[in-house]
Amino acid sequence: MRAGRRLGVDVGKARVGVAMSDPHGMLATPVETVPRDDNAIDAVLHHARDADAIEIVVGLPIALGGGDTPSTADARGFALALAKSGIPVRLVDERLSTVSAHSVMRTVGKNTKKSRSVIDQAAAVIILQHALDAEASNPAPPGTVVVPEEDQQQ
């Protein structure tokens, strides 16, 4: 397991959930939900730089059958914008992370409509924790690396 903090990101149309791991890469915890606006990329990068994160893990919404969804291209674009910062970015399968987050909220008695921002953070925690657990059981880092377009041409 690589040491170092990682940032987990759940990209949504209205909000972006952010989670962070501990310095040992063992446990994910919620950080913030940022509005999905022109400042969202900068807000996520601020958290990554502030924590000296070794990478950012972005959830990739894939259909249950394995294909792309309307949100897949959006998440890839967001991840690419983050990767242009020079901080390594990985895309990981996030199937059912938001569904799981809603389920957790209902289990603890939270109204999911009133807890939307918390759900986005919970989904980011689920995405990041899944990536951390995958790396703990397999020495290879999870997901796929996002390569900025200018680096692909070289």
C-alpha atoms as a PDB file:
ATOM      1  CA  MET A   1       0.000   0.000   0.000  1.00  0.00           C
ATOM      2  CA  ARG A   2       1.372   3.379  -0.986  1.00  0.00           C
ATOM      3  CA  ALA A   3       1.547   5.900   1.823  1.00  0.00           C
ATOM      4  CA  GLY A   4      -0.020   9.310   1.368  1.00  0.00           C
ATOM      5  CA  ARG A   5      -3.346  11.068   1.401  1.00  0.00           C
ATOM      6  CA  ARG A   6      -5.753  10.625  -1.474  1.00  0.00           C
ATOM      7  CA  LEU A   7      -8.739  12.742  -2.377  1.00  0.00           C
ATOM      8  CA  GLY A   8     -11.979  11.077  -3.480  1.00  0.00           C
ATOM      9  CA  VAL A   9     -14.382  12.905  -5.774  1.00  0.00           C
ATOM     10  CA  ASP A  10     -18.009  12.217  -6.689  1.00  0.00           C
ATOM     11  CA  VAL A  11     -18.852  14.368  -9.718  1.00  0.00           C
ATOM     12  CA  GLY A  12     -22.480  15.399 -10.040  1.00  0.00           C
ATOM     13  CA  LYS A  13     -24.372  17.856 -12.206  1.00  0.00           C
ATOM     14  CA  ALA A  14     -25.194  20.181  -9.281  1.00  0.00           C
ATOM     15  CA  ARG A  15     -22.606  19.285  -6.629  1.00  0.00           C
ATOM     16  CA  VAL A  16     -19.227  17.606  -6.209  1.00  0.00           C
ATOM     17  CA  GLY A  17     -18.647  15.470  -3.134  1.00  0.00           C
ATOM     18  CA  VAL A  18     -15.124  15.430  -1.716  1.00  0.00           C
ATOM     19  CA  ALA A  19     -13.567  12.908   0.669  1.00  0.00           C
ATOM     20  CA  MET A  20     -10.012  12.388   1.913  1.00  0.00           C
ATOM     21  CA  SER A  21      -7.997   9.476   3.211  1.00  0.00           C
ATOM     22  CA  ASP A  22      -5.748   9.437   6.218  1.00  0.00           C
ATOM     23  CA  PRO A  23      -1.963   9.737   5.574  1.00  0.00           C
ATOM     24  CA  HIS A  24      -1.629   5.931   5.500  1.00  0.00           C
ATOM     25  CA  GLY A  25      -4.290   5.453   2.818  1.00  0.00           C
ATOM     26  CA  MET A  26      -6.476   3.283   5.020  1.00  0.00           C
ATOM     27  CA  LEU A  27      -9.649   5.236   5.854  1.00  0.00           C
ATOM     28  CA  ALA A  28     -11.761   7.685   3.848  1.00  0.00           C
ATOM     29  CA  THR A  29     -13.661  10.493   5.564  1.00  0.00           C
ATOM     30  CA  PRO A  30     -15.965  13.234   4.207  1.00  0.00           C
ATOM     31  CA  VAL A  31     -14.541  16.686   3.557  1.00  0.00           C
ATOM     32  CA  GLU A  32     -16.967  18.962   1.733  1.00  0.00           C
ATOM     33  CA  THR A  33     -19.607  19.267  -0.933  1.00  0.00           C
ATOM     34  CA  VAL A  34     -18.791  21.990  -3.427  1.00  0.00           C
ATOM     35  CA  PRO A  35     -21.255  23.535  -5.862  1.00  0.00           C
ATOM     36  CA  ARG A  36     -20.758  22.391  -9.447  1.00  0.00           C
ATOM     37  CA  ASP A  37     -19.878  25.746 -10.938  1.00  0.00           C
ATOM     38  CA  ASP A  38     -16.878  27.449 -12.553  1.00  0.00           C
ATOM     39  CA  ASN A  39     -14.975  27.211  -9.244  1.00  0.00           C
ATOM     40  CA  ALA A  40     -15.497  23.475  -8.613  1.00  0.00           C
ATOM     41  CA  ILE A  41     -12.173  22.354 -10.135  1.00  0.00           C
ATOM     42  CA  ASP A  42     -10.254  24.966  -8.136  1.00  0.00           C
ATOM     43  CA  ALA A  43     -12.079  23.987  -4.923  1.00  0.00           C
ATOM     44  CA  VAL A  44     -11.154  20.313  -5.348  1.00  0.00           C
ATOM     45  CA  LEU A  45      -7.554  21.182  -6.237  1.00  0.00           C
ATOM     46  CA  HIS A  46      -7.344  23.428  -3.171  1.00  0.00           C
ATOM     47  CA  HIS A  47      -8.214  20.465  -0.945  1.00  0.00           C
ATOM     48  CA  ALA A  48      -5.710  18.240  -2.760  1.00  0.00           C
ATOM     49  CA  ARG A  49      -2.885  20.750  -2.474  1.00  0.00           C
ATOM     50  CA  ASP A  50      -3.736  21.674   1.111  1.00  0.00           C
ATOM     51  CA  ALA A  51      -3.524  17.997   2.104  1.00  0.00           C
ATOM     52  CA  ASP A  52      -0.496  17.336  -0.109  1.00  0.00           C
ATOM     53  CA  ALA A  53      -2.496  14.502  -1.705  1.00  0.00           C
ATOM     54  CA  ILE A  54      -0.544  11.950  -3.739  1.00  0.00           C
ATOM     55  CA  GLU A  55      -3.519  11.512  -6.091  1.00  0.00           C
ATOM     56  CA  ILE A  56      -7.152  12.287  -6.739  1.00  0.00           C
ATOM     57  CA  VAL A  57      -9.582   9.405  -7.229  1.00  0.00           C
ATOM     58  CA  VAL A  58     -12.596  10.353  -9.352  1.00  0.00           C
ATOM     59  CA  GLY A  59     -15.644   8.115  -9.536  1.00  0.00           C
ATOM     60  CA  LEU A  60     -16.553   7.043 -13.064  1.00  0.00           C
ATOM     61  CA  PRO A  61     -20.291   6.421 -13.443  1.00  0.00           C
ATOM     62  CA  ILE A  62     -20.596   3.262 -15.518  1.00  0.00           C
ATOM     63  CA  ALA A  63     -23.904   1.578 -16.341  1.00  0.00           C
ATOM     64  CA  LEU A  64     -24.614  -1.710 -14.596  1.00  0.00           C
ATOM     65  CA  GLY A  65     -24.055  -3.445 -17.942  1.00  0.00           C
ATOM     66  CA  GLY A  66     -20.572  -1.934 -18.173  1.00  0.00           C
ATOM     67  CA  GLY A  67     -21.218   0.775 -20.766  1.00  0.00           C
ATOM     68  CA  ASP A  68     -21.094   4.534 -20.574  1.00  0.00           C
ATOM     69  CA  THR A  69     -23.901   6.634 -19.127  1.00  0.00           C
ATOM     70  CA  PRO A  70     -24.701  10.277 -19.871  1.00  0.00           C
ATOM     71  CA  SER A  71     -22.623  11.191 -16.798  1.00  0.00           C
ATOM     72  CA  THR A  72     -19.556   9.191 -17.877  1.00  0.00           C
ATOM     73  CA  ALA A  73     -18.222  11.850 -20.291  1.00  0.00           C
ATOM     74  CA  ASP A  74     -18.872  14.549 -17.685  1.00  0.00           C
ATOM     75  CA  ALA A  75     -16.820  12.717 -15.042  1.00  0.00           C
ATOM     76  CA  ARG A  76     -14.012  12.066 -17.558  1.00  0.00           C
ATOM     77  CA  GLY A  77     -13.941  15.767 -18.470  1.00  0.00           C
ATOM     78  CA  PHE A  78     -13.833  16.792 -14.806  1.00  0.00           C
ATOM     79  CA  ALA A  79     -11.012  14.306 -14.140  1.00  0.00           C
ATOM     80  CA  LEU A  80      -9.077  15.597 -17.159  1.00  0.00           C
ATOM     81  CA  ALA A  81      -9.388  19.176 -15.900  1.00  0.00           C
ATOM     82  CA  LEU A  82      -8.046  18.053 -12.505  1.00  0.00           C
ATOM     83  CA  ALA A  83      -5.163  16.146 -14.137  1.00  0.00           C
ATOM     84  CA  LYS A  84      -3.985  19.293 -15.917  1.00  0.00           C
ATOM     85  CA  SER A  85      -2.866  20.530 -12.485  1.00  0.00           C
ATOM     86  CA  GLY A  86      -0.081  17.951 -12.406  1.00  0.00           C
ATOM     87  CA  ILE A  87      -1.592  16.026  -9.490  1.00  0.00           C
ATOM     88  CA  PRO A  88      -2.097  12.391 -10.535  1.00  0.00           C
ATOM     89  CA  VAL A  89      -5.750  11.524 -11.154  1.00  0.00           C
ATOM     90  CA  ARG A  90      -7.321   8.056 -11.395  1.00  0.00           C
ATOM     91  CA  LEU A  91     -10.777   7.094 -12.599  1.00  0.00           C
ATOM     92  CA  VAL A  92     -12.427   4.258 -10.667  1.00  0.00           C
ATOM     93  CA  ASP A  93     -15.725   2.481 -11.261  1.00  0.00           C
ATOM     94  CA  GLU A  94     -18.331   4.059  -9.011  1.00  0.00           C
ATOM     95  CA  ARG A  95     -21.311   1.857  -9.821  1.00  0.00           C
ATOM     96  CA  LEU A  96     -23.985   2.215  -7.148  1.00  0.00           C
ATOM     97  CA  SER A  97     -21.966   4.570  -4.907  1.00  0.00           C
ATOM     98  CA  THR A  98     -24.738   7.174  -4.787  1.00  0.00           C
ATOM     99  CA  VAL A  99     -27.358   4.450  -4.315  1.00  0.00           C
ATOM    100  CA  SER A 100     -25.274   3.091  -1.421  1.00  0.00           C
ATOM    101  CA  ALA A 101     -24.950   6.576   0.056  1.00  0.00           C
ATOM    102  CA  HIS A 102     -28.742   7.058  -0.081  1.00  0.00           C
ATOM    103  CA  SER A 103     -29.179   3.697   1.610  1.00  0.00           C
ATOM    104  CA  VAL A 104     -26.776   4.631   4.402  1.00  0.00           C
ATOM    105  CA  MET A 105     -28.603   7.929   4.961  1.00  0.00           C
ATOM    106  CA  ARG A 106     -31.961   6.156   5.189  1.00  0.00           C
ATOM    107  CA  THR A 107     -30.494   3.576   7.576  1.00  0.00           C
ATOM    108  CA  VAL A 108     -29.339   6.299   9.980  1.00  0.00           C
ATOM    109  CA  GLY A 109     -32.708   8.057   9.729  1.00  0.00           C
ATOM    110  CA  LYS A 110     -31.735  10.977   7.496  1.00  0.00           C
ATOM    111  CA  ASN A 111     -34.166  12.446   4.978  1.00  0.00           C
ATOM    112  CA  THR A 112     -32.327  12.032   1.674  1.00  0.00           C
ATOM    113  CA  LYS A 113     -33.966  15.087   0.118  1.00  0.00           C
ATOM    114  CA  LYS A 114     -32.738  17.319   2.955  1.00  0.00           C
ATOM    115  CA  SER A 115     -29.319  15.613   3.034  1.00  0.00           C
ATOM    116  CA  ARG A 116     -28.273  15.975  -0.601  1.00  0.00           C
ATOM    117  CA  SER A 117     -24.944  17.657   0.155  1.00  0.00           C
ATOM    118  CA  VAL A 118     -24.131  15.022   2.768  1.00  0.00           C
ATOM    119  CA  ILE A 119     -25.044  12.277   0.280  1.00  0.00           C
ATOM    120  CA  ASP A 120     -22.510  13.672  -2.199  1.00  0.00           C
ATOM    121  CA  GLN A 121     -19.816  13.519   0.487  1.00  0.00           C
ATOM    122  CA  ALA A 122     -20.914  10.000   1.466  1.00  0.00           C
ATOM    123  CA  ALA A 123     -20.697   8.903  -2.184  1.00  0.00           C
ATOM    124  CA  ALA A 124     -17.161  10.368  -2.369  1.00  0.00           C
ATOM    125  CA  VAL A 125     -16.254   8.419   0.787  1.00  0.00           C
ATOM    126  CA  ILE A 126     -17.625   5.201  -0.729  1.00  0.00           C
ATOM    127  CA  ILE A 127     -15.682   5.767  -3.977  1.00  0.00           C
ATOM    128  CA  LEU A 128     -12.435   6.511  -2.154  1.00  0.00           C
ATOM    129  CA  GLN A 129     -12.821   3.717   0.405  1.00  0.00           C
ATOM    130  CA  HIS A 130     -13.467   1.224  -2.383  1.00  0.00           C
ATOM    131  CA  ALA A 131     -10.255   2.377  -4.118  1.00  0.00           C
ATOM    132  CA  LEU A 132      -8.274   2.169  -0.863  1.00  0.00           C
ATOM    133  CA  ASP A 133      -9.588  -1.317  -0.125  1.00  0.00           C
ATOM    134  CA  ALA A 134      -8.807  -2.469  -3.672  1.00  0.00           C
ATOM    135  CA  GLU A 135      -5.232  -1.235  -3.371  1.00  0.00           C
ATOM    136  CA  ALA A 136      -4.826  -2.853   0.049  1.00  0.00           C
ATOM    137  CA  SER A 137      -5.731  -6.244  -1.433  1.00  0.00           C
ATOM    138  CA  ASN A 138      -3.780  -5.774  -4.678  1.00  0.00           C
ATOM    139  CA  PRO A 139      -0.484  -3.897  -4.914  1.00  0.00           C
ATOM    140  CA  ALA A 140      -1.499  -2.191  -8.162  1.00  0.00           C
ATOM    141  CA  PRO A 141      -3.241   1.171  -7.757  1.00  0.00           C
ATOM    142  CA  PRO A 142      -6.926   0.964  -8.699  1.00  0.00           C
ATOM    143  CA  GLY A 143      -8.601   2.339 -11.800  1.00  0.00           C
ATOM    144  CA  THR A 144      -7.017   4.050 -14.763  1.00  0.00           C
ATOM    145  CA  VAL A 145      -4.681   7.027 -14.846  1.00  0.00           C
ATOM    146  CA  VAL A 146      -5.996  10.177 -16.504  1.00  0.00           C
ATOM    147  CA  VAL A 147      -3.404  11.568 -18.890  1.00  0.00           C
ATOM    148  CA  PRO A 148      -3.758  15.249 -19.831  1.00  0.00           C
ATOM    149  CA  GLU A 149      -4.128  15.730 -23.587  1.00  0.00           C
ATOM    150  CA  GLU A 150      -0.837  17.605 -23.930  1.00  0.00           C
ATOM    151  CA  ASP A 151       0.975  14.602 -22.384  1.00  0.00           C
ATOM    152  CA  GLN A 152      -0.734  12.177 -24.812  1.00  0.00           C
ATOM    153  CA  GLN A 153       0.851  13.939 -27.799  1.00  0.00           C
ATOM    154  CA  GLN A 154       4.406  13.462 -26.567  1.00  0.00           C
END
